[in-house]
Amino acid sequence: MSKKRGTSNAPIVLGIVGGVLGLPAALCSGACAAAVESMDEVAAAGITEFYLYGALIVSFLLIVISCFTKKFPMVSGLLMLVCTIAGFVLFIVTMNILGIIAMVLTLIGSILALVQKKEIIE
């Protein structure tokens, strides 16, 4: 039974760099969400926590998933793409430029993971 393995390290690097840049962006995301939403303090606190934890989870997932793009390029590429879309939504709503830049990097990494050449391992 043969397996396919990715040949490029670029998706790994882009995914990790994007995920690491997403971590400080996630911290700002909660504060930005509270500023964007003009709600009462109780509702703004819930929104702040949602964007903070959501962005942190997306960033950590991108770092972990990108480490597996060499071994499982198609699955990792698809998972990175899903996390990147979720990250785009979170960071665009809060107008977080660093987060958007991080998601662009992971988008490029996920596309590269999907289209890279694969070698067959016996």
C-alpha atoms as a PDB file:
ATOM      1  CA  MET A   1       0.000   0.000   0.000  1.00  0.00           C
ATOM      2  CA  SER A   2       1.518   3.307  -1.043  1.00  0.00           C
ATOM      3  CA  LYS A   3       0.994   6.723   0.523  1.00  0.00           C
ATOM      4  CA  LYS A   4       1.419  10.194  -0.937  1.00  0.00           C
ATOM      5  CA  ARG A   5       3.544  12.782   0.807  1.00  0.00           C
ATOM      6  CA  GLY A   6       3.991  16.472   0.056  1.00  0.00           C
ATOM      7  CA  THR A   7       7.327  17.677  -1.237  1.00  0.00           C
ATOM      8  CA  SER A   8       7.222  21.369  -0.270  1.00  0.00           C
ATOM      9  CA  ASN A   9       7.949  22.975   3.096  1.00  0.00           C
ATOM     10  CA  ALA A  10       6.270  26.253   2.102  1.00  0.00           C
ATOM     11  CA  PRO A  11       2.795  25.318   3.444  1.00  0.00           C
ATOM     12  CA  ILE A  12       4.337  24.419   6.800  1.00  0.00           C
ATOM     13  CA  VAL A  13       6.241  27.690   7.051  1.00  0.00           C
ATOM     14  CA  LEU A  14       3.338  29.851   5.874  1.00  0.00           C
ATOM     15  CA  GLY A  15       0.883  28.082   8.176  1.00  0.00           C
ATOM     16  CA  ILE A  16       3.091  28.451  11.238  1.00  0.00           C
ATOM     17  CA  VAL A  17       3.968  32.085  10.492  1.00  0.00           C
ATOM     18  CA  GLY A  18       0.302  32.909   9.855  1.00  0.00           C
ATOM     19  CA  GLY A  19      -0.772  31.124  13.031  1.00  0.00           C
ATOM     20  CA  VAL A  20       1.880  32.856  15.128  1.00  0.00           C
ATOM     21  CA  LEU A  21       0.903  36.258  13.709  1.00  0.00           C
ATOM     22  CA  GLY A  22      -2.711  35.393  14.451  1.00  0.00           C
ATOM     23  CA  LEU A  23      -2.025  34.993  18.183  1.00  0.00           C
ATOM     24  CA  PRO A  24      -1.338  38.674  18.988  1.00  0.00           C
ATOM     25  CA  ALA A  25      -4.038  39.627  16.500  1.00  0.00           C
ATOM     26  CA  ALA A  26      -6.470  37.485  18.493  1.00  0.00           C
ATOM     27  CA  LEU A  27      -5.674  39.415  21.656  1.00  0.00           C
ATOM     28  CA  CYS A  28      -6.499  42.664  19.898  1.00  0.00           C
ATOM     29  CA  SER A  29      -9.539  41.117  18.264  1.00  0.00           C
ATOM     30  CA  GLY A  30     -11.542  41.067  21.458  1.00  0.00           C
ATOM     31  CA  ALA A  31     -10.813  44.718  22.188  1.00  0.00           C
ATOM     32  CA  CYS A  32     -11.575  45.687  18.596  1.00  0.00           C
ATOM     33  CA  ALA A  33     -14.873  43.778  18.725  1.00  0.00           C
ATOM     34  CA  ALA A  34     -15.951  45.706  21.799  1.00  0.00           C
ATOM     35  CA  ALA A  35     -15.101  48.978  20.080  1.00  0.00           C
ATOM     36  CA  VAL A  36     -16.893  48.067  16.848  1.00  0.00           C
ATOM     37  CA  GLU A  37     -20.085  46.893  18.520  1.00  0.00           C
ATOM     38  CA  SER A  38     -22.039  49.666  20.184  1.00  0.00           C
ATOM     39  CA  MET A  39     -23.877  47.540  22.721  1.00  0.00           C
ATOM     40  CA  ASP A  40     -24.363  47.608  26.434  1.00  0.00           C
ATOM     41  CA  GLU A  41     -21.452  46.368  28.563  1.00  0.00           C
ATOM     42  CA  VAL A  42     -22.838  42.874  29.194  1.00  0.00           C
ATOM     43  CA  ALA A  43     -23.385  42.122  25.494  1.00  0.00           C
ATOM     44  CA  ALA A  44     -20.034  43.682  24.549  1.00  0.00           C
ATOM     45  CA  ALA A  45     -18.267  41.437  27.093  1.00  0.00           C
ATOM     46  CA  GLY A  46     -19.801  38.338  25.462  1.00  0.00           C
ATOM     47  CA  ILE A  47     -18.810  39.522  21.981  1.00  0.00           C
ATOM     48  CA  THR A  48     -15.287  40.302  23.185  1.00  0.00           C
ATOM     49  CA  GLU A  49     -14.830  36.792  24.577  1.00  0.00           C
ATOM     50  CA  PHE A  50     -16.284  35.200  21.447  1.00  0.00           C
ATOM     51  CA  TYR A  51     -13.847  36.946  19.102  1.00  0.00           C
ATOM     52  CA  LEU A  52     -10.897  36.511  21.459  1.00  0.00           C
ATOM     53  CA  TYR A  53     -11.374  32.766  21.984  1.00  0.00           C
ATOM     54  CA  GLY A  54     -12.437  32.144  18.401  1.00  0.00           C
ATOM     55  CA  ALA A  55      -9.332  33.821  16.987  1.00  0.00           C
ATOM     56  CA  LEU A  56      -7.066  32.066  19.500  1.00  0.00           C
ATOM     57  CA  ILE A  57      -8.528  28.668  18.625  1.00  0.00           C
ATOM     58  CA  VAL A  58      -8.192  29.326  14.885  1.00  0.00           C
ATOM     59  CA  SER A  59      -4.560  30.448  15.301  1.00  0.00           C
ATOM     60  CA  PHE A  60      -3.592  27.411  17.390  1.00  0.00           C
ATOM     61  CA  LEU A  61      -5.347  25.051  14.966  1.00  0.00           C
ATOM     62  CA  LEU A  62      -3.506  26.591  12.022  1.00  0.00           C
ATOM     63  CA  ILE A  63      -0.152  26.072  13.737  1.00  0.00           C
ATOM     64  CA  VAL A  64      -0.936  22.428  14.550  1.00  0.00           C
ATOM     65  CA  ILE A  65      -2.523  21.553  11.210  1.00  0.00           C
ATOM     66  CA  SER A  66       0.290  23.131   9.200  1.00  0.00           C
ATOM     67  CA  CYS A  67       2.770  20.787  10.898  1.00  0.00           C
ATOM     68  CA  PHE A  68       1.039  17.843   9.197  1.00  0.00           C
ATOM     69  CA  THR A  69       1.018  19.222   5.625  1.00  0.00           C
ATOM     70  CA  LYS A  70       4.080  17.203   4.653  1.00  0.00           C
ATOM     71  CA  LYS A  71       2.557  13.906   5.770  1.00  0.00           C
ATOM     72  CA  PHE A  72      -1.104  14.519   4.829  1.00  0.00           C
ATOM     73  CA  PRO A  73      -1.088  17.334   2.253  1.00  0.00           C
ATOM     74  CA  MET A  74      -4.702  17.111   1.020  1.00  0.00           C
ATOM     75  CA  VAL A  75      -6.377  16.746   4.403  1.00  0.00           C
ATOM     76  CA  SER A  76      -4.178  19.383   6.004  1.00  0.00           C
ATOM     77  CA  GLY A  77      -4.716  21.755   3.094  1.00  0.00           C
ATOM     78  CA  LEU A  78      -8.491  21.427   3.387  1.00  0.00           C
ATOM     79  CA  LEU A  79      -8.447  21.862   7.173  1.00  0.00           C
ATOM     80  CA  MET A  80      -6.174  24.884   6.844  1.00  0.00           C
ATOM     81  CA  LEU A  81      -8.564  26.334   4.283  1.00  0.00           C
ATOM     82  CA  VAL A  82     -11.545  25.898   6.622  1.00  0.00           C
ATOM     83  CA  CYS A  83      -9.664  27.471   9.551  1.00  0.00           C
ATOM     84  CA  THR A  84      -8.477  30.314   7.328  1.00  0.00           C
ATOM     85  CA  ILE A  85     -12.029  31.118   6.236  1.00  0.00           C
ATOM     86  CA  ALA A  86     -13.152  31.133   9.879  1.00  0.00           C
ATOM     87  CA  GLY A  87     -10.200  33.372  10.740  1.00  0.00           C
ATOM     88  CA  PHE A  88     -11.029  35.748   7.887  1.00  0.00           C
ATOM     89  CA  VAL A  89     -14.572  36.118   9.218  1.00  0.00           C
ATOM     90  CA  LEU A  90     -13.368  36.792  12.762  1.00  0.00           C
ATOM     91  CA  PHE A  91     -10.663  39.256  11.757  1.00  0.00           C
ATOM     92  CA  ILE A  92     -12.656  41.110   9.088  1.00  0.00           C
ATOM     93  CA  VAL A  93     -15.574  41.716  11.440  1.00  0.00           C
ATOM     94  CA  THR A  94     -13.193  43.204  14.009  1.00  0.00           C
ATOM     95  CA  MET A  95     -11.207  45.057  11.316  1.00  0.00           C
ATOM     96  CA  ASN A  96      -7.930  43.569  12.530  1.00  0.00           C
ATOM     97  CA  ILE A  97      -5.266  44.197   9.866  1.00  0.00           C
ATOM     98  CA  LEU A  98      -2.611  41.921  11.424  1.00  0.00           C
ATOM     99  CA  GLY A  99      -5.131  39.092  11.583  1.00  0.00           C
ATOM    100  CA  ILE A 100      -6.121  39.614   7.955  1.00  0.00           C
ATOM    101  CA  ILE A 101      -2.455  39.521   6.901  1.00  0.00           C
ATOM    102  CA  ALA A 102      -1.986  36.320   8.920  1.00  0.00           C
ATOM    103  CA  MET A 103      -4.996  34.740   7.213  1.00  0.00           C
ATOM    104  CA  VAL A 104      -3.699  35.723   3.761  1.00  0.00           C
ATOM    105  CA  LEU A 105      -0.454  33.892   4.562  1.00  0.00           C
ATOM    106  CA  THR A 106      -2.311  30.791   5.708  1.00  0.00           C
ATOM    107  CA  LEU A 107      -4.580  30.971   2.654  1.00  0.00           C
ATOM    108  CA  ILE A 108      -1.511  30.867   0.423  1.00  0.00           C
ATOM    109  CA  GLY A 109      -0.122  28.000   2.521  1.00  0.00           C
ATOM    110  CA  SER A 110      -3.339  26.004   2.287  1.00  0.00           C
ATOM    111  CA  ILE A 111      -3.534  26.466  -1.476  1.00  0.00           C
ATOM    112  CA  LEU A 112       0.095  25.401  -1.819  1.00  0.00           C
ATOM    113  CA  ALA A 113      -0.606  22.322   0.321  1.00  0.00           C
ATOM    114  CA  LEU A 114      -3.458  21.348  -1.983  1.00  0.00           C
ATOM    115  CA  VAL A 115      -1.629  21.850  -5.289  1.00  0.00           C
ATOM    116  CA  GLN A 116       1.927  20.855  -4.407  1.00  0.00           C
ATOM    117  CA  LYS A 117       3.628  17.911  -6.024  1.00  0.00           C
ATOM    118  CA  LYS A 118       3.300  14.707  -4.098  1.00  0.00           C
ATOM    119  CA  GLU A 119       5.737  11.841  -3.955  1.00  0.00           C
ATOM    120  CA  ILE A 120       4.617   8.256  -3.519  1.00  0.00           C
ATOM    121  CA  ILE A 121       6.052   6.416  -0.540  1.00  0.00           C
ATOM    122  CA  GLU A 122       6.094   2.627  -0.724  1.00  0.00           C
END
